[in-house]
Amino acid sequence: MNHPGQIPPRQPSDEDWRQALWPDPEAMMRSLGIDFGVSVLDLCCGDGHFTSTIAHIVGGIGRTMAVDIDPQLLDLAKQRAENAGIPAQAIRWLELDAKDLVEQLPSTPNYVLLANSFHSIEDRQQLARNVFNILKPGGQFAIVNWHHRLREDTTVLGEPRGPKTNLRFTPEQVMDEVLPVGFNLHGVVDLPPYHYGILFDKPKVS
């Protein structure tokens, strides 16, 4: 109980618990195969928690694209990138619905990252098809998900985090949605404590 005049303890923010969950986002991105010179689309980037790290790794001007449908989240992502010292020209920010990727994406990446958003997509197979169509031949599609565990078992800073239990997918369930559109399975990467990344390859043109 707080005494009169006592400042109540600060509640953990989204940034606090995400920093606790992913203390080294660069190592996480590199474990998923993101490296210097790769052109990356951060799909459904939200407030850009990983976008600045991606831009830092890949370097160059415009090698990173970030797409989200919410302009307010994109504004937060831009501010995060500025605070991280990322040059303004390094990232192309696109307010865009994922279903319009094929028609409106300005260039073709060779890597697409979808982190912590697969559970919120209504037509997941159509999204996978759209990603397949905008990727360069030989490109990769990486999906980062919470493990299929009870939400109350995935606690960060003392609180359950992540999507509801019934919105979590096993890697096999993700494969069932993604492989039919033409991708090949590259592999599954464990991302402790509560996530995994599943990587798919678009076949190279012979």
Protein backbone atom coordinates (compact mmCIF):
# COMPACT_ATOMS: atom_id res chain seq x y z
CA MET A 1 0.00 0.00 0.00
CA ASN A 2 1.24 3.48 -0.85
CA HIS A 3 1.37 6.09 1.93
CA PRO A 4 -0.05 9.58 1.30
CA GLY A 5 2.36 11.59 -0.80
CA GLN A 6 4.33 8.51 -1.81
CA ILE A 7 4.97 8.13 -5.54
CA PRO A 8 3.47 4.85 -6.72
CA PRO A 9 5.90 2.41 -8.32
CA ARG A 10 6.18 2.74 -12.09
CA GLN A 11 4.40 -0.02 -13.96
CA PRO A 12 6.47 -1.88 -16.58
CA SER A 13 5.87 -0.47 -20.05
CA ASP A 14 5.76 -2.42 -23.30
CA GLU A 15 9.35 -1.33 -23.87
CA ASP A 16 10.40 -2.63 -20.44
CA TRP A 17 9.07 -6.14 -20.92
CA ARG A 18 10.24 -6.40 -24.51
CA GLN A 19 13.73 -5.35 -23.49
CA ALA A 20 13.63 -8.00 -20.76
CA LEU A 21 12.39 -10.61 -23.24
CA TRP A 22 14.82 -9.71 -26.07
CA PRO A 23 17.90 -8.16 -24.43
CA ASP A 24 19.98 -8.72 -27.60
CA PRO A 25 17.75 -8.17 -30.66
CA GLU A 26 20.76 -8.05 -32.98
CA ALA A 27 21.79 -11.59 -32.02
CA MET A 28 18.22 -12.70 -32.52
CA MET A 29 18.02 -11.19 -36.01
CA ARG A 30 21.39 -12.68 -36.99
CA SER A 31 20.27 -16.12 -35.79
CA LEU A 32 17.46 -15.81 -38.34
CA GLY A 33 19.93 -15.22 -41.17
CA ILE A 34 19.74 -11.43 -41.47
CA ASP A 35 23.18 -10.11 -42.40
CA PHE A 36 24.97 -7.21 -44.07
CA GLY A 37 23.78 -6.45 -47.59
CA VAL A 38 20.48 -8.31 -47.36
CA SER A 39 17.39 -6.36 -48.44
CA VAL A 40 14.75 -6.90 -45.76
CA LEU A 41 11.05 -6.18 -45.49
CA ASP A 42 9.89 -5.91 -41.88
CA LEU A 43 6.25 -6.83 -42.44
CA CYS A 44 3.69 -5.63 -39.88
CA CYS A 45 6.55 -3.80 -38.19
CA GLY A 46 4.35 -2.17 -35.52
CA ASP A 47 6.31 0.37 -33.51
CA GLY A 48 9.56 -0.79 -35.09
CA HIS A 49 10.94 -2.85 -32.23
CA PHE A 50 13.12 -4.83 -34.67
CA THR A 51 13.27 -2.42 -37.63
CA SER A 52 16.13 -0.26 -36.39
CA THR A 53 18.17 -3.34 -35.52
CA ILE A 54 17.58 -4.74 -39.01
CA ALA A 55 18.67 -1.47 -40.63
CA HIS A 56 21.80 -1.41 -38.47
CA ILE A 57 22.73 -4.96 -39.52
CA VAL A 58 22.07 -4.74 -43.26
CA GLY A 59 23.52 -1.25 -43.74
CA GLY A 60 23.15 0.86 -46.86
CA ILE A 61 20.41 3.17 -48.03
CA GLY A 62 16.95 1.72 -48.52
CA ARG A 63 17.89 -1.92 -47.90
CA THR A 64 15.28 -1.99 -45.14
CA MET A 65 11.57 -1.54 -45.79
CA ALA A 66 9.03 -1.39 -42.97
CA VAL A 67 5.32 -1.93 -43.60
CA ASP A 68 2.40 -1.41 -41.27
CA ILE A 69 -1.23 -0.44 -41.75
CA ASP A 70 -1.29 1.80 -38.64
CA PRO A 71 0.18 5.30 -39.24
CA GLN A 72 0.53 5.97 -35.51
CA LEU A 73 2.66 2.87 -35.04
CA LEU A 74 4.78 3.88 -38.04
CA ASP A 75 5.34 7.29 -36.45
CA LEU A 76 6.57 5.56 -33.28
CA ALA A 77 8.81 3.32 -35.38
CA LYS A 78 10.31 6.32 -37.18
CA GLN A 79 10.99 8.02 -33.84
CA ARG A 80 12.63 4.87 -32.51
CA ALA A 81 14.90 4.71 -35.57
CA GLU A 82 15.82 8.38 -35.18
CA ASN A 83 16.61 7.84 -31.49
CA ALA A 84 18.82 4.88 -32.46
CA GLY A 85 20.82 7.07 -34.83
CA ILE A 86 19.66 5.32 -37.99
CA PRO A 87 20.00 7.63 -41.04
CA ALA A 88 16.61 8.75 -42.31
CA GLN A 89 17.27 7.36 -45.80
CA ALA A 90 18.19 3.90 -44.50
CA ILE A 91 14.57 2.76 -44.04
CA ARG A 92 11.64 3.11 -46.41
CA TRP A 93 8.47 3.44 -44.34
CA LEU A 94 5.27 2.26 -46.01
CA GLU A 95 1.74 2.64 -44.68
CA LEU A 96 0.28 -0.35 -46.42
CA ASP A 97 -2.14 -3.24 -45.90
CA ALA A 98 -0.32 -6.56 -46.18
CA LYS A 99 -2.91 -7.78 -48.67
CA ASP A 100 -1.76 -5.04 -51.08
CA LEU A 101 1.93 -6.00 -51.07
CA VAL A 102 2.03 -7.34 -54.62
CA GLU A 103 0.47 -4.23 -56.13
CA GLN A 104 2.08 -1.54 -54.00
CA LEU A 105 5.47 -2.65 -52.65
CA PRO A 106 8.03 -0.44 -54.45
CA SER A 107 10.84 -3.01 -54.68
CA THR A 108 11.53 -6.72 -54.29
CA PRO A 109 13.29 -7.79 -51.09
CA ASN A 110 15.27 -10.97 -50.65
CA TYR A 111 14.11 -11.43 -47.05
CA VAL A 112 10.75 -10.88 -45.33
CA LEU A 113 10.36 -10.93 -41.54
CA LEU A 114 6.96 -11.32 -39.87
CA ALA A 115 7.47 -11.13 -36.11
CA ASN A 116 4.73 -11.71 -33.55
CA SER A 117 1.93 -11.00 -36.02
CA PHE A 118 1.10 -14.35 -37.64
CA HIS A 119 -1.64 -15.01 -35.08
CA SER A 120 -3.44 -11.77 -36.01
CA ILE A 121 -3.62 -12.44 -39.76
CA GLU A 122 -7.07 -13.49 -40.97
CA ASP A 123 -6.05 -15.25 -44.20
CA ARG A 124 -2.61 -16.60 -43.37
CA GLN A 125 -2.21 -18.65 -46.53
CA GLN A 126 -3.03 -15.65 -48.72
CA LEU A 127 -0.47 -13.60 -46.81
CA ALA A 128 2.12 -16.32 -47.45
CA ARG A 129 1.20 -16.27 -51.13
CA ASN A 130 1.65 -12.48 -51.24
CA VAL A 131 5.06 -12.78 -49.59
CA PHE A 132 6.05 -15.51 -52.05
CA ASN A 133 5.10 -13.26 -54.96
CA ILE A 134 7.09 -10.24 -53.78
CA LEU A 135 10.25 -12.12 -52.76
CA LYS A 136 13.21 -12.44 -55.08
CA PRO A 137 13.95 -16.01 -56.25
CA GLY A 138 16.04 -17.70 -53.58
CA GLY A 139 14.71 -15.31 -50.94
CA GLN A 140 13.63 -16.20 -47.42
CA PHE A 141 10.48 -15.71 -45.36
CA ALA A 142 10.93 -15.81 -41.57
CA ILE A 143 8.02 -16.02 -39.13
CA VAL A 144 8.65 -15.42 -35.42
CA ASN A 145 5.96 -16.81 -33.12
CA TRP A 146 5.34 -17.41 -29.46
CA HIS A 147 5.63 -21.09 -28.64
CA HIS A 148 2.36 -23.01 -28.36
CA ARG A 149 2.21 -22.77 -24.57
CA LEU A 150 -0.36 -21.57 -22.07
CA ARG A 151 -0.26 -17.78 -21.88
CA GLU A 152 -0.01 -17.91 -18.10
CA ASP A 153 3.24 -19.85 -18.52
CA THR A 154 4.93 -17.17 -20.66
CA THR A 155 5.58 -14.50 -18.06
CA VAL A 156 7.87 -11.50 -18.39
CA LEU A 157 8.54 -9.20 -15.44
CA GLY A 158 5.92 -11.15 -13.49
CA GLU A 159 3.06 -10.78 -15.98
CA PRO A 160 1.73 -13.13 -18.70
CA ARG A 161 2.66 -11.84 -22.15
CA GLY A 162 1.87 -12.67 -25.73
CA PRO A 163 -1.32 -13.69 -27.56
CA LYS A 164 -4.06 -15.77 -26.00
CA THR A 165 -3.33 -19.46 -25.76
CA ASN A 166 -5.81 -20.33 -28.51
CA LEU A 167 -4.03 -17.95 -30.93
CA ARG A 168 -0.66 -19.70 -30.68
CA PHE A 169 0.68 -21.99 -33.39
CA THR A 170 3.04 -24.91 -33.51
CA PRO A 171 5.69 -24.86 -36.25
CA GLU A 172 3.76 -27.65 -37.98
CA GLN A 173 0.60 -25.52 -38.10
CA VAL A 174 2.60 -22.68 -39.65
CA MET A 175 4.02 -25.06 -42.26
CA ASP A 176 0.50 -26.17 -43.14
CA GLU A 177 -0.33 -22.57 -44.07
CA VAL A 178 2.92 -21.57 -45.80
CA LEU A 179 4.30 -24.59 -47.66
CA PRO A 180 1.30 -25.03 -50.02
CA VAL A 181 2.00 -21.69 -51.76
CA GLY A 182 5.39 -22.89 -53.05
CA PHE A 183 7.92 -22.32 -50.26
CA ASN A 184 10.41 -24.94 -49.07
CA LEU A 185 11.14 -25.41 -45.39
CA HIS A 186 14.58 -24.09 -44.44
CA GLY A 187 14.46 -24.83 -40.72
CA VAL A 188 13.22 -23.89 -37.25
CA VAL A 189 15.28 -21.77 -34.85
CA ASP A 190 14.60 -21.75 -31.11
CA LEU A 191 14.49 -18.22 -29.69
CA PRO A 192 14.50 -18.57 -25.90
CA PRO A 193 12.69 -18.18 -23.68
CA TYR A 194 9.30 -18.24 -25.40
CA HIS A 195 9.68 -17.93 -29.18
CA TYR A 196 10.73 -19.79 -32.27
CA GLY A 197 11.53 -18.65 -35.79
CA ILE A 198 10.56 -20.73 -38.79
CA LEU A 199 12.33 -20.04 -42.07
CA PHE A 200 11.08 -20.78 -45.57
CA ASP A 201 12.96 -20.54 -48.87
CA LYS A 202 11.55 -19.41 -52.18
CA PRO A 203 13.04 -21.71 -54.83
CA LYS A 204 15.66 -20.24 -57.14
CA VAL A 205 14.83 -19.93 -60.79
CA SER A 206 16.77 -22.57 -62.72
